[in-house]
Protein backbone atom coordinates (compact mmCIF):
# COMPACT_ATOMS: atom_id res chain seq x y z
CA UNK A 1 -67.66 4.95 -33.73
CA UNK A 2 -65.39 6.18 -30.96
CA UNK A 3 -61.77 6.77 -31.78
CA UNK A 4 -59.62 3.73 -30.99
CA UNK A 5 -56.33 4.82 -29.38
CA UNK A 6 -52.89 3.16 -29.47
CA UNK A 7 -53.11 2.66 -25.70
CA UNK A 8 -56.37 0.73 -26.01
CA UNK A 9 -55.01 -1.39 -28.82
CA UNK A 10 -51.82 -2.09 -26.86
CA UNK A 11 -53.65 -3.28 -23.76
CA UNK A 12 -55.96 -5.49 -25.82
CA UNK A 13 -53.01 -6.87 -27.77
CA UNK A 14 -51.09 -7.79 -24.60
CA UNK A 15 -54.20 -9.34 -23.05
CA UNK A 16 -55.00 -11.35 -26.18
CA UNK A 17 -51.47 -12.59 -26.87
CA UNK A 18 -49.89 -12.86 -23.44
CA UNK A 19 -47.55 -15.70 -24.40
CA UNK A 20 -45.87 -13.77 -27.19
CA UNK A 21 -45.54 -10.69 -24.94
CA UNK A 22 -43.97 -12.69 -22.09
CA UNK A 23 -41.52 -14.39 -24.46
CA UNK A 24 -40.40 -10.95 -25.65
CA UNK A 25 -39.96 -9.83 -22.04
CA UNK A 26 -37.91 -12.94 -21.28
CA UNK A 27 -35.65 -12.18 -24.23
CA UNK A 28 -35.02 -8.72 -22.78
CA UNK A 29 -34.58 -10.24 -19.31
CA UNK A 30 -31.90 -12.60 -20.63
CA UNK A 31 -29.87 -9.67 -21.96
CA UNK A 32 -30.30 -7.60 -18.77
CA UNK A 33 -29.45 -10.52 -16.49
CA UNK A 34 -26.32 -11.32 -18.48
CA UNK A 35 -25.20 -7.69 -18.34
CA UNK A 36 -25.90 -7.29 -14.62
CA UNK A 37 -24.15 -10.52 -13.62
CA UNK A 38 -21.12 -9.67 -15.74
CA UNK A 39 -20.96 -6.21 -14.20
CA UNK A 40 -21.31 -7.70 -10.71
CA UNK A 41 -18.53 -10.21 -11.34
CA UNK A 42 -16.17 -7.52 -12.56
CA UNK A 43 -16.94 -5.39 -9.50
CA UNK A 44 -16.47 -8.35 -7.19
CA UNK A 45 -13.14 -9.05 -8.85
CA UNK A 46 -12.07 -5.43 -8.30
CA UNK A 47 -13.11 -5.60 -4.64
CA UNK A 48 -11.30 -8.92 -4.19
CA UNK A 49 -8.19 -7.46 -5.83
CA UNK A 50 -8.25 -4.41 -3.57
CA UNK A 51 -8.74 -6.61 -0.49
CA UNK A 52 -5.87 -8.94 -1.44
CA UNK A 53 -3.49 -6.07 -2.14
CA UNK A 54 -4.50 -4.32 1.09
CA UNK A 55 -3.98 -7.54 3.08
CA UNK A 56 -0.61 -8.07 1.40
CA UNK A 57 0.43 -4.49 2.23
CA UNK A 58 -0.65 -4.95 5.87
CA UNK A 59 1.32 -8.20 6.17
CA UNK A 60 4.35 -6.61 4.53
CA UNK A 61 4.16 -3.55 6.78
CA UNK A 62 3.92 -5.78 9.86
CA UNK A 63 6.82 -7.96 8.72
CA UNK A 64 8.96 -4.92 7.89
CA UNK A 65 8.16 -3.30 11.25
CA UNK A 66 9.13 -6.51 13.06
CA UNK A 67 12.33 -6.76 11.07
CA UNK A 68 13.12 -3.09 11.69
CA UNK A 69 12.68 -3.64 15.43
CA UNK A 70 14.90 -6.72 15.35
CA UNK A 71 17.57 -4.75 13.47
CA UNK A 72 17.31 -1.87 15.95
CA UNK A 73 17.71 -4.21 18.91
CA UNK A 74 20.53 -6.03 17.15
CA UNK A 75 22.32 -2.76 16.41
CA UNK A 76 21.79 -1.61 19.97
CA UNK A 77 23.68 -4.67 21.16
CA UNK A 78 26.42 -4.40 18.54
CA UNK A 79 26.94 -0.65 18.79
CA UNK A 80 27.70 2.04 16.25
CA UNK A 81 29.20 1.34 12.85
CA UNK A 82 30.34 4.81 11.70
CA UNK A 83 33.30 6.50 13.43
CA UNK A 84 34.34 10.12 12.84
CA UNK A 85 37.91 10.97 13.89
CA UNK A 86 39.96 14.19 13.74
CA UNK A 87 41.65 14.89 10.41
CA UNK A 88 45.24 13.65 10.32
CA UNK A 89 44.58 10.84 12.77
CA UNK A 90 46.59 7.75 11.89
CA UNK A 91 44.08 4.94 11.48
CA UNK A 92 46.79 2.35 12.19
CA UNK A 93 47.04 3.84 15.68
CA UNK A 94 43.26 3.64 16.08
CA UNK A 95 43.27 -0.02 15.05
CA UNK A 96 46.21 -0.81 17.37
CA UNK A 97 45.12 1.19 20.43
CA UNK A 98 41.36 1.18 19.96
CA UNK A 99 41.05 4.98 20.15
CA UNK A 100 42.42 8.17 18.58
CA UNK A 101 45.19 10.22 20.12
CA UNK A 102 44.20 13.42 18.33
CA UNK A 103 41.25 15.48 19.51
CA UNK A 104 38.69 17.83 18.02
CA UNK A 105 36.23 20.32 19.51
CA UNK A 106 33.08 18.88 21.07
CA UNK A 107 31.28 21.59 19.10
CA UNK A 108 31.75 19.43 15.98
CA UNK A 109 28.94 17.11 17.06
CA UNK A 110 26.64 20.09 17.65
CA UNK A 111 27.43 21.42 14.18
CA UNK A 112 26.75 17.99 12.68
CA UNK A 113 23.42 17.63 14.50
CA UNK A 114 22.30 21.10 13.35
CA UNK A 115 22.84 20.20 9.69
CA UNK A 116 20.53 18.34 7.30
CA UNK A 117 21.99 14.88 7.75
CA UNK A 118 20.19 12.03 6.01
CA UNK A 119 22.79 9.25 5.90
CA UNK A 120 23.23 8.69 9.64
CA UNK A 121 20.73 8.44 12.48
CA UNK A 122 22.53 8.61 15.86
CA UNK A 123 25.36 10.92 17.00
CA UNK A 124 27.38 10.21 20.13
CA UNK A 125 30.52 12.22 21.06
CA UNK A 126 33.15 10.45 23.13
CA UNK A 127 36.58 10.97 24.62
CA UNK A 128 38.68 7.82 25.10
CA UNK A 129 42.15 7.51 26.63
CA UNK A 130 44.31 4.84 28.22
CA UNK A 131 45.30 5.99 31.71
CA UNK A 132 46.78 4.69 34.93
CA UNK A 133 44.25 4.36 37.73
CA UNK A 134 46.37 5.77 40.52
CA UNK A 135 44.23 4.50 43.38
CA UNK A 136 44.42 0.92 42.05
CA UNK A 137 47.82 1.21 40.31
CA UNK A 138 46.62 -0.42 37.11
CA UNK A 139 46.10 0.56 33.50
CA UNK A 140 42.55 1.08 32.35
CA UNK A 141 40.69 2.64 29.43
CA UNK A 142 38.66 5.68 30.43
CA UNK A 143 35.74 6.67 28.20
CA UNK A 144 33.74 9.83 28.59
CA UNK A 145 30.37 9.91 26.89
CA UNK A 146 27.14 11.86 27.03
CA UNK A 147 23.63 11.35 25.77
CA UNK A 148 23.10 11.11 22.03
CA UNK A 149 22.71 14.45 20.28
CA UNK A 150 19.37 14.73 18.45
CA UNK A 151 19.57 15.62 14.76
CA UNK A 152 17.69 18.75 13.74
CA UNK A 153 14.02 18.34 12.76
CA UNK A 154 14.11 14.62 13.35
CA UNK A 155 12.28 12.68 16.04
CA UNK A 156 14.62 11.47 18.78
CA UNK A 157 15.20 7.75 18.41
CA UNK A 158 15.72 5.29 21.24
CA UNK A 159 19.42 5.59 22.23
CA UNK A 160 21.81 2.79 21.34
CA UNK A 161 23.86 3.50 24.47
CA UNK A 162 22.35 4.98 27.61
CA UNK A 163 24.18 8.09 28.91
CA UNK A 164 26.17 7.93 32.14
CA UNK A 165 24.77 10.38 34.68
CA UNK A 166 27.20 12.76 36.46
CA UNK A 167 28.77 11.24 39.56
CA UNK A 168 28.27 7.67 38.34
CA UNK A 169 30.44 5.14 36.53
CA UNK A 170 29.93 2.01 34.44
CA UNK A 171 32.73 -0.56 34.76
CA UNK A 172 33.88 -3.49 32.64
CA UNK A 173 33.75 -7.15 33.59
CA UNK A 174 37.44 -7.65 34.42
CA UNK A 175 37.55 -4.64 36.73
CA UNK A 176 34.42 -5.80 38.48
CA UNK A 177 35.83 -9.31 38.96
CA UNK A 178 39.28 -8.31 40.13
CA UNK A 179 38.07 -5.58 42.48
CA UNK A 180 34.92 -7.32 43.67
CA UNK A 181 32.71 -4.40 42.75
CA UNK A 182 28.94 -4.44 42.49
CA UNK A 183 26.35 -1.92 41.33
CA UNK A 184 25.88 0.64 44.08
CA UNK A 185 29.48 0.50 45.34
CA UNK A 186 31.66 3.59 45.50
CA UNK A 187 34.98 3.89 43.68
CA UNK A 188 37.65 6.60 43.81
CA UNK A 189 39.24 7.59 40.52
CA UNK A 190 41.92 10.24 40.23
CA UNK A 191 40.78 11.86 43.46
CA UNK A 192 37.06 11.84 42.63
CA UNK A 193 34.35 9.58 44.01
CA UNK A 194 31.89 7.80 41.73
CA UNK A 195 28.99 5.44 42.30
CA UNK A 196 29.03 2.20 40.26
CA UNK A 197 25.80 2.47 38.28
CA UNK A 198 26.23 -0.64 36.14
CA UNK A 199 28.56 -3.56 35.53
CA UNK A 200 28.95 -4.93 31.99
CA UNK A 201 29.05 -8.63 31.28
CA UNK A 202 32.20 -10.12 29.77
CA UNK A 203 32.84 -8.95 26.19
CA UNK A 204 36.29 -10.34 25.51
CA UNK A 205 37.70 -6.94 24.50
CA UNK A 206 39.20 -3.81 26.02
CA UNK A 207 35.69 -3.04 27.25
CA UNK A 208 36.42 -5.47 30.09
CA UNK A 209 39.04 -3.02 31.50
CA UNK A 210 37.10 0.15 30.70
CA UNK A 211 35.38 2.68 32.92
CA UNK A 212 32.70 4.90 31.39
CA UNK A 213 32.01 8.33 32.89
CA UNK A 214 29.93 11.35 32.04
CA UNK A 215 31.74 13.21 29.23
CA UNK A 216 32.23 16.48 31.12
CA UNK A 217 33.72 14.68 34.13
CA UNK A 218 35.98 12.56 31.92
CA UNK A 219 37.21 15.69 30.11
CA UNK A 220 38.06 17.25 33.47
CA UNK A 221 39.96 14.16 34.67
CA UNK A 222 41.92 13.93 31.39
CA UNK A 223 42.60 17.67 31.28
CA UNK A 224 40.82 18.06 27.94
CA UNK A 225 37.81 20.29 28.56
CA UNK A 226 35.56 20.77 25.53
CA UNK A 227 37.44 18.16 23.50
CA UNK A 228 36.54 14.75 22.10
CA UNK A 229 38.45 12.26 19.96
CA UNK A 230 35.56 10.53 18.20
CA UNK A 231 31.95 10.91 17.12
CA UNK A 232 30.09 7.65 16.87
CA UNK A 233 27.18 7.37 14.45
CA UNK A 234 24.85 4.76 13.05
CA UNK A 235 24.44 4.57 9.32
CA UNK A 236 20.85 4.77 8.17
CA UNK A 237 19.28 1.63 6.73
CA UNK A 238 19.26 2.90 3.14
CA UNK A 239 19.73 1.00 -0.08
CA UNK A 240 22.67 2.59 -1.89
CA UNK A 241 25.34 1.74 -4.45
CA UNK A 242 28.20 2.99 -2.22
CA UNK A 243 26.94 3.82 1.25
CA UNK A 244 30.28 4.67 2.83
CA UNK A 245 31.28 7.06 0.03
CA UNK A 246 27.95 8.85 0.38
CA UNK A 247 28.30 9.07 4.17
CA UNK A 248 31.84 10.42 3.84
CA UNK A 249 30.77 12.97 1.25
CA UNK A 250 27.86 14.18 3.38
CA UNK A 251 29.86 14.46 6.61
CA UNK A 252 32.88 15.90 4.75
CA UNK A 253 30.84 18.88 3.58
CA UNK A 254 29.88 19.70 7.16
CA UNK A 255 33.09 18.70 8.97
CA UNK A 256 35.96 18.88 6.48
CA UNK A 257 38.54 18.45 9.27
CA UNK A 258 37.51 14.86 10.00
CA UNK A 259 37.99 11.33 8.66
CA UNK A 260 35.19 8.72 8.50
CA UNK A 261 35.53 4.95 8.76
CA UNK A 262 32.94 2.20 8.78
CA UNK A 263 32.88 -0.86 10.98
CA UNK A 264 31.30 -3.94 9.41
CA UNK A 265 28.76 -5.64 11.64
CA UNK A 266 26.12 -8.30 11.75
CA UNK A 267 23.60 -5.51 12.22
CA UNK A 268 24.63 -3.94 8.93
CA UNK A 269 24.30 -7.30 7.19
CA UNK A 270 20.81 -7.67 8.64
CA UNK A 271 19.95 -4.16 7.49
CA UNK A 272 21.04 -5.11 3.99
CA UNK A 273 18.93 -8.25 4.25
CA UNK A 274 16.00 -6.09 5.30
CA UNK A 275 16.48 -3.90 2.22
CA UNK A 276 16.58 -7.01 0.06
CA UNK A 277 13.42 -8.33 1.74
CA UNK A 278 11.65 -5.02 1.14
CA UNK A 279 12.66 -5.01 -2.51
CA UNK A 280 11.38 -8.56 -2.86
CA UNK A 281 8.10 -7.60 -1.17
CA UNK A 282 7.74 -4.57 -3.45
CA UNK A 283 8.38 -6.73 -6.50
CA UNK A 284 5.82 -9.28 -5.29
CA UNK A 285 3.32 -6.46 -4.73
CA UNK A 286 3.90 -5.09 -8.23
CA UNK A 287 3.66 -8.56 -9.75
CA UNK A 288 0.40 -9.18 -7.90
CA UNK A 289 -1.05 -5.94 -9.24
CA UNK A 290 0.11 -6.73 -12.78
CA UNK A 291 -1.38 -10.23 -12.62
CA UNK A 292 -4.69 -8.92 -11.35
CA UNK A 293 -4.75 -6.19 -14.00
CA UNK A 294 -4.04 -8.75 -16.72
CA UNK A 295 -6.74 -11.05 -15.36
CA UNK A 296 -9.22 -8.16 -15.20
CA UNK A 297 -8.43 -7.15 -18.77
CA UNK A 298 -8.99 -10.74 -19.87
CA UNK A 299 -12.36 -10.82 -18.10
CA UNK A 300 -13.32 -7.48 -19.61
CA UNK A 301 -12.41 -8.71 -23.08
CA UNK A 302 -14.57 -11.78 -22.56
CA UNK A 303 -17.42 -9.61 -21.29
CA UNK A 304 -17.00 -7.33 -24.31
CA UNK A 305 -17.67 -10.36 -26.52
CA UNK A 306 -20.32 -12.04 -24.38
CA UNK A 307 -22.59 -9.06 -23.72
CA UNK A 308 -22.99 -8.04 -27.39
CA UNK A 309 -23.56 -11.69 -28.33
CA UNK A 310 -26.32 -12.05 -25.74
CA UNK A 311 -27.78 -8.70 -26.80
CA UNK A 312 -27.82 -9.69 -30.49
CA UNK A 313 -29.41 -13.04 -29.66
CA UNK A 314 -32.08 -11.32 -27.58
CA UNK A 315 -32.66 -8.70 -30.29
CA UNK A 316 -33.06 -11.42 -32.90
CA UNK A 317 -35.52 -13.23 -30.66
CA UNK A 318 -37.56 -10.04 -30.10
CA UNK A 319 -37.57 -9.26 -33.83
CA UNK A 320 -38.65 -12.82 -34.63
CA UNK A 321 -41.44 -12.70 -32.06
CA UNK A 322 -42.62 -9.37 -33.52
CA UNK A 323 -42.64 -10.87 -37.04
CA UNK A 324 -44.61 -13.88 -35.82
CA UNK A 325 -47.04 -11.61 -34.00
CA UNK A 326 -47.52 -9.50 -37.12
CA UNK A 327 -48.16 -12.56 -39.28
CA UNK A 328 -50.67 -13.93 -36.83
CA UNK A 329 -52.48 -10.58 -36.88
CA UNK A 330 -52.47 -9.92 -40.63
CA UNK A 331 -56.25 -10.05 -40.81
CA UNK A 332 -56.67 -7.88 -37.70
CA UNK A 333 -54.21 -5.30 -38.98
CA UNK A 334 -55.95 -5.23 -42.38
CA UNK A 335 -59.36 -4.80 -40.73
CA UNK A 336 -58.12 -1.97 -38.49
CA UNK A 337 -56.59 -0.20 -41.46
CA UNK A 338 -59.77 -0.75 -43.49
CA UNK A 339 -61.96 0.93 -40.85
CA UNK A 340 -59.68 3.97 -40.80
CA UNK A 341 -57.09 3.36 -38.09
CA UNK A 342 -53.97 5.29 -39.20
CA UNK A 343 -50.71 3.44 -39.76
CA UNK A 344 -49.10 5.74 -37.18
CA UNK A 345 -51.51 4.48 -34.53
CA UNK A 346 -50.68 0.89 -35.40
CA UNK A 347 -46.95 1.62 -35.31
CA UNK A 348 -47.40 3.33 -31.92
CA UNK A 349 -49.26 0.25 -30.71
CA UNK A 350 -46.36 -2.02 -31.62
CA UNK A 351 -43.84 0.38 -30.03
CA UNK A 352 -45.84 0.73 -26.80
CA UNK A 353 -46.07 -3.04 -26.63
CA UNK A 354 -42.31 -3.30 -27.16
CA UNK A 355 -41.66 -0.62 -24.51
CA UNK A 356 -43.80 -2.42 -21.93
CA UNK A 357 -42.09 -5.68 -22.84
CA UNK A 358 -38.71 -4.02 -22.29
CA UNK A 359 -39.83 -2.59 -18.94
CA UNK A 360 -41.10 -5.95 -17.74
CA UNK A 361 -37.98 -7.67 -19.09
CA UNK A 362 -35.73 -5.24 -17.20
CA UNK A 363 -37.55 -5.98 -13.94
CA UNK A 364 -37.41 -9.75 -14.51
CA UNK A 365 -33.74 -9.56 -15.52
CA UNK A 366 -32.74 -7.63 -12.41
CA UNK A 367 -34.71 -9.95 -10.13
CA UNK A 368 -33.03 -12.96 -11.72
CA UNK A 369 -29.58 -11.43 -11.39
CA UNK A 370 -30.23 -10.55 -7.73
CA UNK A 371 -31.43 -14.09 -7.04
CA UNK A 372 -28.41 -15.64 -8.76
CA UNK A 373 -25.76 -13.33 -7.29
CA UNK A 374 -27.29 -12.97 -3.84
CA UNK A 375 -26.00 -9.38 -3.76
CA UNK A 376 -28.64 -6.83 -2.73
CA UNK A 377 -26.28 -4.02 -3.75
CA UNK A 378 -25.74 -5.41 -7.21
CA UNK A 379 -26.72 -2.19 -8.92
CA UNK A 380 -27.29 1.41 -7.79
CA UNK A 381 -30.62 3.25 -8.29
CA UNK A 382 -29.02 5.44 -10.97
CA UNK A 383 -27.73 2.38 -12.79
CA UNK A 384 -31.15 0.76 -12.45
CA UNK A 385 -32.72 3.72 -14.25
CA UNK A 386 -30.10 3.53 -16.99
CA UNK A 387 -30.57 -0.21 -17.43
CA UNK A 388 -34.36 0.13 -17.54
CA UNK A 389 -34.16 2.90 -20.14
CA UNK A 390 -31.69 0.85 -22.17
CA UNK A 391 -33.98 -2.20 -22.00
CA UNK A 392 -36.94 -0.20 -23.28
CA UNK A 393 -34.91 1.30 -26.13
CA UNK A 394 -33.42 -2.11 -26.88
CA UNK A 395 -36.85 -3.75 -27.14
CA UNK A 396 -38.25 -0.91 -29.26
CA UNK A 397 -35.25 -0.97 -31.60
CA UNK A 398 -35.56 -4.72 -32.12
CA UNK A 399 -39.32 -4.41 -32.87
CA UNK A 400 -39.24 -1.24 -34.93
CA UNK A 401 -38.51 -2.58 -38.43
CA UNK A 402 -41.06 -5.47 -38.42
CA UNK A 403 -43.67 -3.13 -36.88
CA UNK A 404 -42.99 -0.42 -39.45
CA UNK A 405 -43.37 -2.88 -42.32
CA UNK A 406 -46.62 -4.25 -40.90
CA UNK A 407 -48.13 -0.83 -40.18
CA UNK A 408 -47.33 0.51 -43.66
CA UNK A 409 -48.79 -2.37 -45.73
CA UNK A 410 -51.89 -1.99 -47.94
CA UNK A 411 -55.01 -3.24 -46.07
CA UNK A 412 -56.38 -4.82 -49.26
CA UNK A 413 -53.29 -6.95 -49.56
CA UNK A 414 -53.47 -7.95 -45.90
CA UNK A 415 -57.12 -9.01 -46.28
CA UNK A 416 -56.65 -10.89 -49.54
CA UNK A 417 -56.78 -14.63 -49.14
CA UNK A 418 -54.38 -16.64 -51.32
């Protein structure tokens, strides 16, 4: 008689008892499908979380950029809010006259710009003085200014006040009205001719009787070459416990012979509102992340309970089906043992059957999970190999003990009829 192999016995066994084999494969498929769908749901949740946070960050960035632009335009209309005056300047005089009588070298602004400033953004030197306009025999305020001085290693920002080119003048509303001046007209001031480059609208302040010139030309007319009486700056939009004290400390280290004051403005209030809005957005972002993390942990805890439960149920079903199969084949197993088939061959037969059942179950489980989820990228090829190997081992482990018991029994006992 030719040697009967485990492979031959396995194929005959599967062919003869197809129903039992398919039920075992379905038990494996149930475990694989449950695992794959749970994994897919967790991944989808992660992707959804990432998309929501990314969308929130984009909206926040857009809102903050819009608010920043609004603040910049607002500040441009309202002017500077930090004023640096020469040391020893009486602030009461500044408040009463609107400008400082003491002067300081124009080089101060260059020294400030060359430092590592972080608390202010714009630097504008100016020289202001109340004079008599001899050609018109009236008192005016003359302001000399130049372009903003860029701070070292920092991108030049859009200027809050446009510089006055040499040979040109910008005049206030009252002067324009009383003298009938228009942009493009020529005026004569202290023996020098200037072209009216721009006329300001009414501001209800000394600006209405002010003439703005290029700083160098104004210094020449006032007899104060190389001197200024103020440096205007714009405080950065930074959240701080005491902004002014920090600005004073920073500027004081660089220019000890100066005094710094702050002018409250609507722009500053809006900047503070922007900081508050950013803090609120950051808190909302953090809360969103925490909520999603907590939800994910809850889902993972549920999956950690569900997957083992499904696996145990499937293992119990496979073991039960193996026991039933063994009982149904008691006579066959006894006969095979009686004709000399080793117990190892019988055990190998049961294990090969279990391995094939696990392989088929893995394929069915993955097809079911793909059909249910509708995601063709549910699992990677590497993960597919791992799942298939796990399904085969799972099926063999669940079948091993009943198969071992059946293969090791005495053939005489199996063939005895009660």
